[in-house]
């Protein structure tokens, strides 16, 4: 399990338009928002990523760089990016072993989805993370299902509160109970 205030696993993936992404070299002012999504086959991901794409300027205004990452191959990631819009940076070809290091759940294919796109044999379920410039976890949310995800507009409000109140990352205690 990832722990707040501790380093997150390495994350290096190719992107569609921005060369290779290396989380350790990303250098945001405040956070990197890493949005792991299921892949092209997921209609919920499409809606979710469109919402995120529309808020990119607000995240950037708050010193937060954003990337959406999946285990999809380049071609499938490009198809998703074409549907989402031009502002969101897309990483692809995430190794599932790395997804598991991040605490993401892995699912196996159930064939074609409601939008008639074949699921990959294996893929990761969603996760959202805010990572500080020092590589430590500030916020994380992982899911076993594609629905009922954290809202990006509410996450923006949380960043505002964190900044205004110098709010520390929470959930860091791992001692005896």
N, C-alpha and C. Protein backbone atom coordinates (compact mmCIF):
# COMPACT_ATOMS: atom_id res chain seq x y z
N UNK A 1 0.84 -1.17 0.00
CA UNK A 1 0.00 0.00 0.00
C UNK A 1 0.90 1.25 0.00
N UNK A 2 0.54 2.21 -0.83
CA UNK A 2 1.25 3.48 -0.83
C UNK A 2 0.88 4.26 0.43
N UNK A 3 1.85 4.97 0.95
CA UNK A 3 1.62 5.73 2.17
C UNK A 3 1.88 7.21 1.92
N UNK A 4 0.97 8.07 2.38
CA UNK A 4 1.20 9.51 2.28
C UNK A 4 2.51 9.91 2.94
N UNK A 5 3.14 10.93 2.38
CA UNK A 5 4.41 11.47 2.85
C UNK A 5 5.59 10.55 2.59
N UNK A 6 5.36 9.49 1.85
CA UNK A 6 6.46 8.57 1.48
C UNK A 6 6.56 8.52 -0.04
N UNK A 7 7.73 8.13 -0.54
CA UNK A 7 7.91 8.11 -2.00
C UNK A 7 6.94 7.15 -2.70
N UNK A 8 6.48 7.58 -3.85
CA UNK A 8 5.67 6.72 -4.71
C UNK A 8 6.61 5.90 -5.59
N UNK A 9 6.12 4.83 -6.20
CA UNK A 9 6.95 4.06 -7.12
C UNK A 9 7.37 4.90 -8.34
N UNK A 10 8.41 4.46 -8.99
CA UNK A 10 8.82 5.11 -10.23
C UNK A 10 7.68 5.03 -11.24
N UNK A 11 7.60 6.03 -12.08
CA UNK A 11 6.63 6.02 -13.16
C UNK A 11 7.29 6.63 -14.39
N UNK A 12 7.56 5.76 -15.36
CA UNK A 12 8.14 6.17 -16.63
C UNK A 12 7.34 5.51 -17.74
N UNK A 13 6.71 6.34 -18.57
CA UNK A 13 5.92 5.82 -19.68
C UNK A 13 6.12 6.72 -20.90
N UNK A 14 5.97 6.15 -22.08
CA UNK A 14 5.96 7.01 -23.27
C UNK A 14 4.67 7.80 -23.31
N UNK A 15 4.71 8.99 -23.92
CA UNK A 15 3.50 9.77 -24.11
C UNK A 15 3.24 9.92 -25.60
N UNK A 16 2.06 10.39 -25.92
CA UNK A 16 1.69 10.53 -27.33
C UNK A 16 2.42 11.69 -27.99
N UNK A 17 2.53 12.82 -27.31
CA UNK A 17 3.05 14.02 -27.95
C UNK A 17 4.16 14.73 -27.19
N UNK A 18 4.59 14.18 -26.08
CA UNK A 18 5.53 14.91 -25.22
C UNK A 18 6.76 14.09 -24.87
N UNK A 19 7.16 13.14 -25.69
CA UNK A 19 8.31 12.31 -25.37
C UNK A 19 8.01 11.40 -24.21
N UNK A 20 9.05 10.90 -23.58
CA UNK A 20 8.86 10.02 -22.43
C UNK A 20 8.54 10.84 -21.19
N UNK A 21 7.62 10.32 -20.39
CA UNK A 21 7.27 10.94 -19.11
C UNK A 21 8.00 10.21 -18.01
N UNK A 22 8.68 10.97 -17.16
CA UNK A 22 9.34 10.44 -15.98
C UNK A 22 8.86 11.27 -14.80
N UNK A 23 8.09 10.66 -13.92
CA UNK A 23 7.52 11.39 -12.79
C UNK A 23 8.60 12.10 -11.98
N UNK A 24 9.73 11.46 -11.78
CA UNK A 24 10.80 12.05 -10.97
C UNK A 24 11.37 13.31 -11.61
N UNK A 25 11.27 13.45 -12.91
CA UNK A 25 11.81 14.61 -13.62
C UNK A 25 10.73 15.62 -14.01
N UNK A 26 9.50 15.39 -13.61
CA UNK A 26 8.37 16.21 -14.06
C UNK A 26 8.42 17.64 -13.53
N UNK A 27 8.89 17.85 -12.32
CA UNK A 27 9.12 19.17 -11.73
C UNK A 27 7.91 20.10 -11.73
N UNK A 28 6.81 19.70 -11.11
CA UNK A 28 5.70 20.64 -10.97
C UNK A 28 6.01 21.65 -9.87
N UNK A 29 5.29 22.74 -9.86
CA UNK A 29 5.45 23.71 -8.78
C UNK A 29 4.87 23.14 -7.47
N UNK A 30 3.70 22.49 -7.57
CA UNK A 30 3.03 22.01 -6.36
C UNK A 30 2.78 20.50 -6.39
N UNK A 31 2.12 20.01 -7.45
CA UNK A 31 1.77 18.59 -7.54
C UNK A 31 1.86 18.11 -8.99
N UNK A 32 1.95 16.80 -9.13
CA UNK A 32 1.63 16.12 -10.38
C UNK A 32 0.38 15.31 -10.10
N UNK A 33 -0.65 15.52 -10.91
CA UNK A 33 -1.85 14.71 -10.82
C UNK A 33 -1.70 13.58 -11.83
N UNK A 34 -1.62 12.35 -11.32
CA UNK A 34 -1.53 11.18 -12.17
C UNK A 34 -2.89 10.51 -12.15
N UNK A 35 -3.52 10.45 -13.32
CA UNK A 35 -4.83 9.83 -13.46
C UNK A 35 -4.66 8.53 -14.24
N UNK A 36 -4.68 7.41 -13.55
CA UNK A 36 -4.63 6.12 -14.21
C UNK A 36 -6.05 5.78 -14.66
N UNK A 37 -6.22 5.47 -15.94
CA UNK A 37 -7.54 5.13 -16.45
C UNK A 37 -7.50 3.74 -17.08
N UNK A 38 -8.66 3.15 -17.27
CA UNK A 38 -8.79 1.76 -17.70
C UNK A 38 -8.35 1.54 -19.14
N UNK A 39 -8.70 2.45 -20.04
CA UNK A 39 -8.33 2.31 -21.44
C UNK A 39 -9.44 2.72 -22.38
N UNK A 40 -9.15 2.63 -23.66
CA UNK A 40 -10.05 3.03 -24.73
C UNK A 40 -11.42 2.36 -24.61
N UNK A 41 -11.46 1.15 -24.12
CA UNK A 41 -12.69 0.38 -24.06
C UNK A 41 -13.71 0.93 -23.05
N UNK A 42 -13.31 1.86 -22.20
CA UNK A 42 -14.14 2.28 -21.08
C UNK A 42 -14.88 3.59 -21.37
N UNK A 43 -16.21 3.53 -21.53
CA UNK A 43 -16.96 4.77 -21.77
C UNK A 43 -16.97 5.70 -20.56
N UNK A 44 -16.86 5.15 -19.36
CA UNK A 44 -16.81 5.99 -18.17
C UNK A 44 -15.50 6.78 -18.15
N UNK A 45 -14.41 6.14 -18.57
CA UNK A 45 -13.11 6.83 -18.64
C UNK A 45 -13.18 8.00 -19.62
N UNK A 46 -13.83 7.80 -20.75
CA UNK A 46 -13.93 8.87 -21.74
C UNK A 46 -14.60 10.10 -21.12
N UNK A 47 -15.71 9.91 -20.48
CA UNK A 47 -16.42 11.03 -19.83
C UNK A 47 -15.55 11.65 -18.75
N UNK A 48 -14.91 10.83 -17.96
CA UNK A 48 -14.07 11.29 -16.86
C UNK A 48 -12.88 12.11 -17.37
N UNK A 49 -12.23 11.60 -18.41
CA UNK A 49 -11.07 12.30 -18.96
C UNK A 49 -11.47 13.59 -19.66
N UNK A 50 -12.64 13.63 -20.26
CA UNK A 50 -13.11 14.89 -20.85
C UNK A 50 -13.31 15.94 -19.76
N UNK A 51 -13.83 15.53 -18.62
CA UNK A 51 -13.99 16.44 -17.50
C UNK A 51 -12.62 16.96 -17.05
N UNK A 52 -11.66 16.06 -16.90
CA UNK A 52 -10.31 16.46 -16.51
C UNK A 52 -9.70 17.40 -17.54
N UNK A 53 -9.85 17.08 -18.79
CA UNK A 53 -9.27 17.90 -19.87
C UNK A 53 -9.80 19.32 -19.82
N UNK A 54 -11.07 19.49 -19.49
CA UNK A 54 -11.66 20.83 -19.43
C UNK A 54 -11.12 21.65 -18.26
N UNK A 55 -10.55 20.98 -17.26
CA UNK A 55 -10.05 21.66 -16.06
C UNK A 55 -8.53 21.83 -16.05
N UNK A 56 -7.85 21.41 -17.10
CA UNK A 56 -6.38 21.51 -17.15
C UNK A 56 -5.91 22.93 -16.83
N UNK A 57 -6.49 23.98 -17.42
CA UNK A 57 -6.01 25.33 -17.09
C UNK A 57 -6.12 25.66 -15.60
N UNK A 58 -7.15 25.17 -14.94
CA UNK A 58 -7.32 25.42 -13.50
C UNK A 58 -6.25 24.68 -12.69
N UNK A 59 -5.96 23.44 -13.09
CA UNK A 59 -4.89 22.70 -12.40
C UNK A 59 -3.55 23.38 -12.61
N UNK A 60 -3.28 23.79 -13.84
CA UNK A 60 -2.01 24.46 -14.13
C UNK A 60 -1.89 25.76 -13.33
N UNK A 61 -2.99 26.49 -13.21
CA UNK A 61 -2.99 27.74 -12.43
C UNK A 61 -2.62 27.47 -10.98
N UNK A 62 -2.87 26.28 -10.50
CA UNK A 62 -2.55 25.90 -9.13
C UNK A 62 -1.21 25.16 -9.03
N UNK A 63 -0.40 25.25 -10.05
CA UNK A 63 0.93 24.64 -10.01
C UNK A 63 0.92 23.13 -10.10
N UNK A 64 -0.10 22.59 -10.75
CA UNK A 64 -0.25 21.14 -10.86
C UNK A 64 -0.18 20.70 -12.31
N UNK A 65 0.76 19.81 -12.60
CA UNK A 65 0.86 19.20 -13.92
C UNK A 65 0.00 17.94 -13.93
N UNK A 66 -0.56 17.62 -15.09
CA UNK A 66 -1.53 16.53 -15.19
C UNK A 66 -1.11 15.56 -16.29
N UNK A 67 -1.28 14.27 -16.00
CA UNK A 67 -1.09 13.23 -17.01
C UNK A 67 -2.11 12.13 -16.79
N UNK A 68 -2.65 11.60 -17.88
CA UNK A 68 -3.53 10.43 -17.86
C UNK A 68 -2.72 9.25 -18.39
N UNK A 69 -2.77 8.13 -17.69
CA UNK A 69 -1.93 6.98 -18.02
C UNK A 69 -2.77 5.71 -18.06
N UNK A 70 -2.50 4.87 -19.06
CA UNK A 70 -3.14 3.55 -19.12
C UNK A 70 -2.15 2.53 -19.65
N UNK A 71 -2.56 1.28 -19.58
CA UNK A 71 -1.74 0.21 -20.14
C UNK A 71 -2.03 0.01 -21.62
N UNK A 72 -2.94 0.81 -22.18
CA UNK A 72 -3.20 0.73 -23.62
C UNK A 72 -1.93 0.96 -24.42
N UNK A 73 -1.86 0.31 -25.57
CA UNK A 73 -0.76 0.55 -26.50
C UNK A 73 -0.95 1.92 -27.15
N UNK A 74 0.07 2.38 -27.84
CA UNK A 74 0.07 3.72 -28.45
C UNK A 74 -1.18 3.99 -29.27
N UNK A 75 -1.56 3.07 -30.13
CA UNK A 75 -2.69 3.29 -31.04
C UNK A 75 -4.00 3.50 -30.28
N UNK A 76 -4.23 2.69 -29.26
CA UNK A 76 -5.47 2.83 -28.48
C UNK A 76 -5.44 4.11 -27.66
N UNK A 77 -4.29 4.46 -27.10
CA UNK A 77 -4.18 5.71 -26.35
C UNK A 77 -4.43 6.90 -27.28
N UNK A 78 -3.95 6.83 -28.50
CA UNK A 78 -4.17 7.92 -29.45
C UNK A 78 -5.65 8.05 -29.79
N UNK A 79 -6.33 6.93 -29.94
CA UNK A 79 -7.77 6.98 -30.21
C UNK A 79 -8.52 7.64 -29.05
N UNK A 80 -8.11 7.33 -27.82
CA UNK A 80 -8.76 7.96 -26.66
C UNK A 80 -8.44 9.45 -26.64
N UNK A 81 -7.20 9.81 -26.87
CA UNK A 81 -6.82 11.23 -26.87
C UNK A 81 -7.59 12.00 -27.92
N UNK A 82 -7.80 11.41 -29.08
CA UNK A 82 -8.56 12.07 -30.14
C UNK A 82 -9.99 12.35 -29.71
N UNK A 83 -10.54 11.51 -28.87
CA UNK A 83 -11.91 11.69 -28.37
C UNK A 83 -11.98 12.69 -27.22
N UNK A 84 -10.89 12.80 -26.45
CA UNK A 84 -10.89 13.62 -25.23
C UNK A 84 -10.64 15.10 -25.52
N UNK A 85 -9.58 15.39 -26.27
CA UNK A 85 -9.24 16.79 -26.54
C UNK A 85 -7.75 17.03 -26.48
N UNK A 86 -7.32 18.22 -26.88
CA UNK A 86 -5.89 18.49 -27.10
C UNK A 86 -5.09 18.86 -25.86
N UNK A 87 -5.71 19.17 -24.74
CA UNK A 87 -4.97 19.71 -23.59
C UNK A 87 -4.39 18.67 -22.65
N UNK A 88 -4.92 17.45 -22.68
CA UNK A 88 -4.50 16.43 -21.72
C UNK A 88 -3.33 15.62 -22.26
N UNK A 89 -2.29 15.51 -21.44
CA UNK A 89 -1.12 14.70 -21.78
C UNK A 89 -1.46 13.23 -21.50
N UNK A 90 -1.19 12.36 -22.48
CA UNK A 90 -1.50 10.94 -22.37
C UNK A 90 -0.23 10.11 -22.32
N UNK A 91 -0.09 9.29 -21.27
CA UNK A 91 0.94 8.27 -21.21
C UNK A 91 0.31 6.93 -21.55
N UNK A 92 1.10 6.05 -22.12
CA UNK A 92 0.56 4.75 -22.53
C UNK A 92 1.56 3.64 -22.25
N UNK A 93 1.14 2.43 -22.51
CA UNK A 93 1.99 1.24 -22.37
C UNK A 93 2.48 1.05 -20.93
N UNK A 94 1.65 1.40 -19.97
CA UNK A 94 2.00 1.20 -18.56
C UNK A 94 2.14 -0.30 -18.29
N UNK A 95 3.30 -0.74 -17.82
CA UNK A 95 3.42 -2.15 -17.46
C UNK A 95 2.51 -2.47 -16.27
N UNK A 96 1.80 -3.57 -16.35
CA UNK A 96 0.87 -3.92 -15.28
C UNK A 96 1.59 -4.18 -13.95
N UNK A 97 2.83 -4.59 -14.01
CA UNK A 97 3.60 -4.76 -12.77
C UNK A 97 3.79 -3.41 -12.08
N UNK A 98 3.97 -2.35 -12.86
CA UNK A 98 4.08 -1.00 -12.30
C UNK A 98 2.72 -0.55 -11.76
N UNK A 99 1.65 -0.85 -12.49
CA UNK A 99 0.31 -0.52 -12.02
C UNK A 99 0.07 -1.15 -10.65
N UNK A 100 0.48 -2.37 -10.49
CA UNK A 100 0.29 -3.06 -9.21
C UNK A 100 1.14 -2.41 -8.11
N UNK A 101 2.36 -1.94 -8.44
CA UNK A 101 3.19 -1.23 -7.45
C UNK A 101 2.47 0.02 -6.94
N UNK A 102 1.69 0.64 -7.82
CA UNK A 102 0.93 1.83 -7.43
C UNK A 102 -0.35 1.48 -6.66
N UNK A 103 -0.61 0.20 -6.49
CA UNK A 103 -1.79 -0.23 -5.75
C UNK A 103 -3.04 -0.34 -6.59
N UNK A 104 -2.88 -0.29 -7.90
CA UNK A 104 -4.05 -0.39 -8.78
C UNK A 104 -4.51 -1.84 -8.87
N UNK A 105 -5.80 -2.01 -8.98
CA UNK A 105 -6.39 -3.32 -9.17
C UNK A 105 -6.28 -3.69 -10.64
N UNK A 106 -6.12 -4.97 -10.91
CA UNK A 106 -5.99 -5.48 -12.28
C UNK A 106 -7.21 -6.33 -12.60
N UNK A 107 -7.79 -6.08 -13.77
CA UNK A 107 -8.95 -6.85 -14.23
C UNK A 107 -8.61 -7.62 -15.50
N UNK A 108 -9.35 -8.69 -15.72
CA UNK A 108 -9.20 -9.45 -16.96
C UNK A 108 -10.37 -9.14 -17.89
N UNK A 109 -10.14 -9.37 -19.15
CA UNK A 109 -11.11 -9.02 -20.18
C UNK A 109 -12.42 -9.79 -20.02
N UNK A 110 -13.49 -9.08 -20.33
CA UNK A 110 -14.81 -9.71 -20.41
C UNK A 110 -15.36 -9.54 -21.82
N UNK A 111 -14.45 -9.31 -22.78
CA UNK A 111 -14.87 -9.18 -24.17
C UNK A 111 -15.11 -7.74 -24.57
N UNK A 112 -16.18 -7.55 -25.34
CA UNK A 112 -16.52 -6.20 -25.82
C UNK A 112 -17.34 -5.47 -24.78
N UNK A 113 -17.10 -4.15 -24.72
CA UNK A 113 -17.83 -3.32 -23.76
C UNK A 113 -19.11 -2.78 -24.41
N UNK A 114 -19.82 -1.95 -23.67
CA UNK A 114 -21.08 -1.38 -24.17
C UNK A 114 -20.88 -0.49 -25.38
N UNK A 115 -19.64 -0.03 -25.61
CA UNK A 115 -19.36 0.79 -26.80
C UNK A 115 -18.70 -0.05 -27.90
N UNK A 116 -18.78 -1.37 -27.74
CA UNK A 116 -18.33 -2.34 -28.73
C UNK A 116 -16.82 -2.27 -29.01
N UNK A 117 -16.04 -2.01 -27.97
CA UNK A 117 -14.58 -2.04 -28.08
C UNK A 117 -14.08 -3.17 -27.20
N UNK A 118 -13.21 -3.97 -27.75
CA UNK A 118 -12.64 -5.11 -27.04
C UNK A 118 -11.75 -4.67 -25.89
N UNK A 119 -11.95 -5.25 -24.72
CA UNK A 119 -11.06 -5.00 -23.60
C UNK A 119 -9.74 -5.73 -23.84
N UNK A 120 -8.63 -5.17 -23.39
CA UNK A 120 -7.36 -5.91 -23.44
C UNK A 120 -7.46 -7.14 -22.54
N UNK A 121 -6.60 -8.13 -22.74
CA UNK A 121 -6.64 -9.33 -21.88
C UNK A 121 -6.55 -8.99 -20.39
N UNK A 122 -5.68 -8.05 -20.04
CA UNK A 122 -5.54 -7.55 -18.66
C UNK A 122 -5.38 -6.03 -18.72
N UNK A 123 -5.91 -5.33 -17.73
CA UNK A 123 -5.77 -3.88 -17.66
C UNK A 123 -5.97 -3.43 -16.22
N UNK A 124 -5.50 -2.23 -15.91
CA UNK A 124 -5.65 -1.72 -14.55
C UNK A 124 -6.93 -0.93 -14.40
N UNK A 125 -7.44 -0.96 -13.20
CA UNK A 125 -8.61 -0.16 -12.83
C UNK A 125 -8.14 1.25 -12.45
N UNK A 126 -9.07 2.19 -12.27
CA UNK A 126 -8.69 3.59 -12.08
C UNK A 126 -7.98 3.89 -10.76
N UNK A 127 -7.19 4.95 -10.82
CA UNK A 127 -6.55 5.50 -9.64
C UNK A 127 -6.18 6.95 -9.89
N UNK A 128 -6.28 7.77 -8.87
CA UNK A 128 -5.92 9.18 -8.94
C UNK A 128 -4.91 9.46 -7.83
N UNK A 129 -3.83 10.16 -8.18
CA UNK A 129 -2.79 10.46 -7.20
C UNK A 129 -2.31 11.89 -7.38
N UNK A 130 -2.11 12.58 -6.26
CA UNK A 130 -1.39 13.85 -6.26
C UNK A 130 -0.03 13.57 -5.64
N UNK A 131 1.02 13.85 -6.42
CA UNK A 131 2.38 13.58 -6.00
C UNK A 131 3.11 14.91 -5.87
N UNK A 132 3.78 15.11 -4.75
CA UNK A 132 4.53 16.34 -4.52
C UNK A 132 5.82 16.32 -5.34
N UNK A 133 6.44 17.48 -5.54
CA UNK A 133 7.68 17.54 -6.33
C UNK A 133 8.81 16.66 -5.78
N UNK A 134 8.79 16.38 -4.48
CA UNK A 134 9.82 15.51 -3.91
C UNK A 134 9.53 14.02 -4.12
N UNK A 135 8.45 13.71 -4.85
CA UNK A 135 8.12 12.32 -5.16
C UNK A 135 7.32 11.61 -4.10
N UNK A 136 6.82 12.35 -3.12
CA UNK A 136 6.02 11.71 -2.07
C UNK A 136 4.53 11.86 -2.36
N UNK A 137 3.78 10.92 -1.84
CA UNK A 137 2.34 10.91 -2.04
C UNK A 137 1.66 11.94 -1.15
N UNK A 138 0.79 12.73 -1.76
CA UNK A 138 -0.04 13.67 -1.00
C UNK A 138 -1.47 13.13 -0.89
N UNK A 139 -2.01 12.64 -2.01
CA UNK A 139 -3.39 12.14 -2.05
C UNK A 139 -3.44 10.94 -2.98
N UNK A 140 -4.26 9.97 -2.62
CA UNK A 140 -4.45 8.83 -3.49
C UNK A 140 -5.83 8.23 -3.34
N UNK A 141 -6.38 7.77 -4.46
CA UNK A 141 -7.67 7.08 -4.46
C UNK A 141 -7.60 6.01 -5.54
N UNK A 142 -7.85 4.76 -5.16
CA UNK A 142 -7.88 3.67 -6.13
C UNK A 142 -9.25 3.01 -6.07
N UNK A 143 -9.62 2.39 -7.19
CA UNK A 143 -10.94 1.79 -7.27
C UNK A 143 -10.89 0.40 -7.90
N UNK A 144 -11.87 -0.39 -7.55
CA UNK A 144 -12.02 -1.71 -8.16
C UNK A 144 -12.98 -1.69 -9.34
N UNK A 145 -13.69 -0.59 -9.51
CA UNK A 145 -14.73 -0.46 -10.53
C UNK A 145 -14.53 0.83 -11.32
N UNK A 146 -15.14 0.92 -12.49
CA UNK A 146 -14.97 2.13 -13.28
C UNK A 146 -15.83 3.30 -12.85
N UNK A 147 -16.82 3.08 -12.00
CA UNK A 147 -17.75 4.16 -11.68
C UNK A 147 -17.52 4.72 -10.28
N UNK A 148 -18.23 5.84 -9.98
CA UNK A 148 -18.19 6.53 -8.68
C UNK A 148 -16.77 7.00 -8.34
N UNK A 149 -16.17 7.75 -9.25
CA UNK A 149 -14.80 8.24 -9.06
C UNK A 149 -14.80 9.62 -8.40
N UNK A 150 -13.65 9.99 -7.80
CA UNK A 150 -13.55 11.35 -7.26
C UNK A 150 -13.75 12.38 -8.38
N UNK A 151 -14.41 13.48 -8.06
CA UNK A 151 -14.65 14.53 -9.05
C UNK A 151 -13.45 15.45 -9.13
N UNK A 152 -13.03 15.75 -10.35
CA UNK A 152 -11.87 16.62 -10.52
C UNK A 152 -12.14 18.04 -10.03
N UNK A 153 -13.37 18.50 -10.12
CA UNK A 153 -13.71 19.84 -9.61
C UNK A 153 -13.56 19.88 -8.09
N UNK A 154 -13.93 18.80 -7.41
CA UNK A 154 -13.76 18.76 -5.96
C UNK A 154 -12.30 18.63 -5.57
N UNK A 155 -11.52 17.94 -6.37
CA UNK A 155 -10.09 17.83 -6.11
C UNK A 155 -9.43 19.21 -6.23
N UNK A 156 -9.88 20.02 -7.17
CA UNK A 156 -9.38 21.40 -7.28
C UNK A 156 -9.67 22.18 -6.00
N UNK A 157 -10.88 22.04 -5.48
CA UNK A 157 -11.24 22.71 -4.23
C UNK A 157 -10.36 22.22 -3.08
N UNK A 158 -10.06 20.93 -3.07
CA UNK A 158 -9.20 20.37 -2.03
C UNK A 158 -7.79 20.95 -2.13
N UNK A 159 -7.28 21.13 -3.33
CA UNK A 159 -5.97 21.75 -3.51
C UNK A 159 -5.99 23.17 -2.96
N UNK A 160 -7.06 23.91 -3.24
CA UNK A 160 -7.17 25.27 -2.72
C UNK A 160 -7.13 25.29 -1.19
N UNK A 161 -7.85 24.38 -0.57
CA UNK A 161 -7.86 24.30 0.90
C UNK A 161 -6.48 23.91 1.43
N UNK A 162 -5.86 22.94 0.78
CA UNK A 162 -4.54 22.50 1.20
C UNK A 162 -3.54 23.65 1.14
N UNK A 163 -3.63 24.45 0.10
CA UNK A 163 -2.72 25.60 -0.02
C UNK A 163 -3.02 26.66 1.04
N UNK A 164 -4.30 27.00 1.19
CA UNK A 164 -4.69 28.06 2.12
C UNK A 164 -4.35 27.71 3.57
N UNK A 165 -4.48 26.45 3.92
CA UNK A 165 -4.30 26.04 5.31
C UNK A 165 -3.00 25.26 5.55
N UNK A 166 -2.15 25.17 4.53
CA UNK A 166 -0.91 24.38 4.62
C UNK A 166 -1.22 22.99 5.19
N UNK A 167 -2.26 22.37 4.61
CA UNK A 167 -2.78 21.10 5.10
C UNK A 167 -1.84 19.95 4.73
N UNK A 168 -1.42 19.17 5.70
CA UNK A 168 -0.50 18.07 5.41
C UNK A 168 -1.21 16.86 4.78
N UNK A 169 -0.43 16.02 4.14
CA UNK A 169 -0.97 14.74 3.66
C UNK A 169 -1.42 13.94 4.87
N UNK A 170 -2.54 13.25 4.76
CA UNK A 170 -3.09 12.49 5.87
C UNK A 170 -3.09 11.00 5.54
N UNK A 171 -3.23 10.18 6.58
CA UNK A 171 -3.25 8.73 6.42
C UNK A 171 -1.88 8.11 6.49
N UNK A 172 -0.91 8.83 7.07
CA UNK A 172 0.49 8.41 7.07
C UNK A 172 0.84 7.46 8.21
N UNK A 173 -0.02 7.34 9.22
CA UNK A 173 0.30 6.51 10.38
C UNK A 173 0.26 5.03 10.00
N UNK A 174 1.34 4.32 10.32
CA UNK A 174 1.35 2.87 10.06
C UNK A 174 1.89 2.09 11.26
N UNK A 175 1.78 2.69 12.44
CA UNK A 175 2.26 2.03 13.67
C UNK A 175 1.22 1.07 14.22
N UNK A 176 1.49 0.59 15.42
CA UNK A 176 0.57 -0.37 16.06
C UNK A 176 -0.79 0.25 16.34
N UNK A 177 -1.80 -0.59 16.33
CA UNK A 177 -3.17 -0.16 16.63
C UNK A 177 -3.67 -0.82 17.88
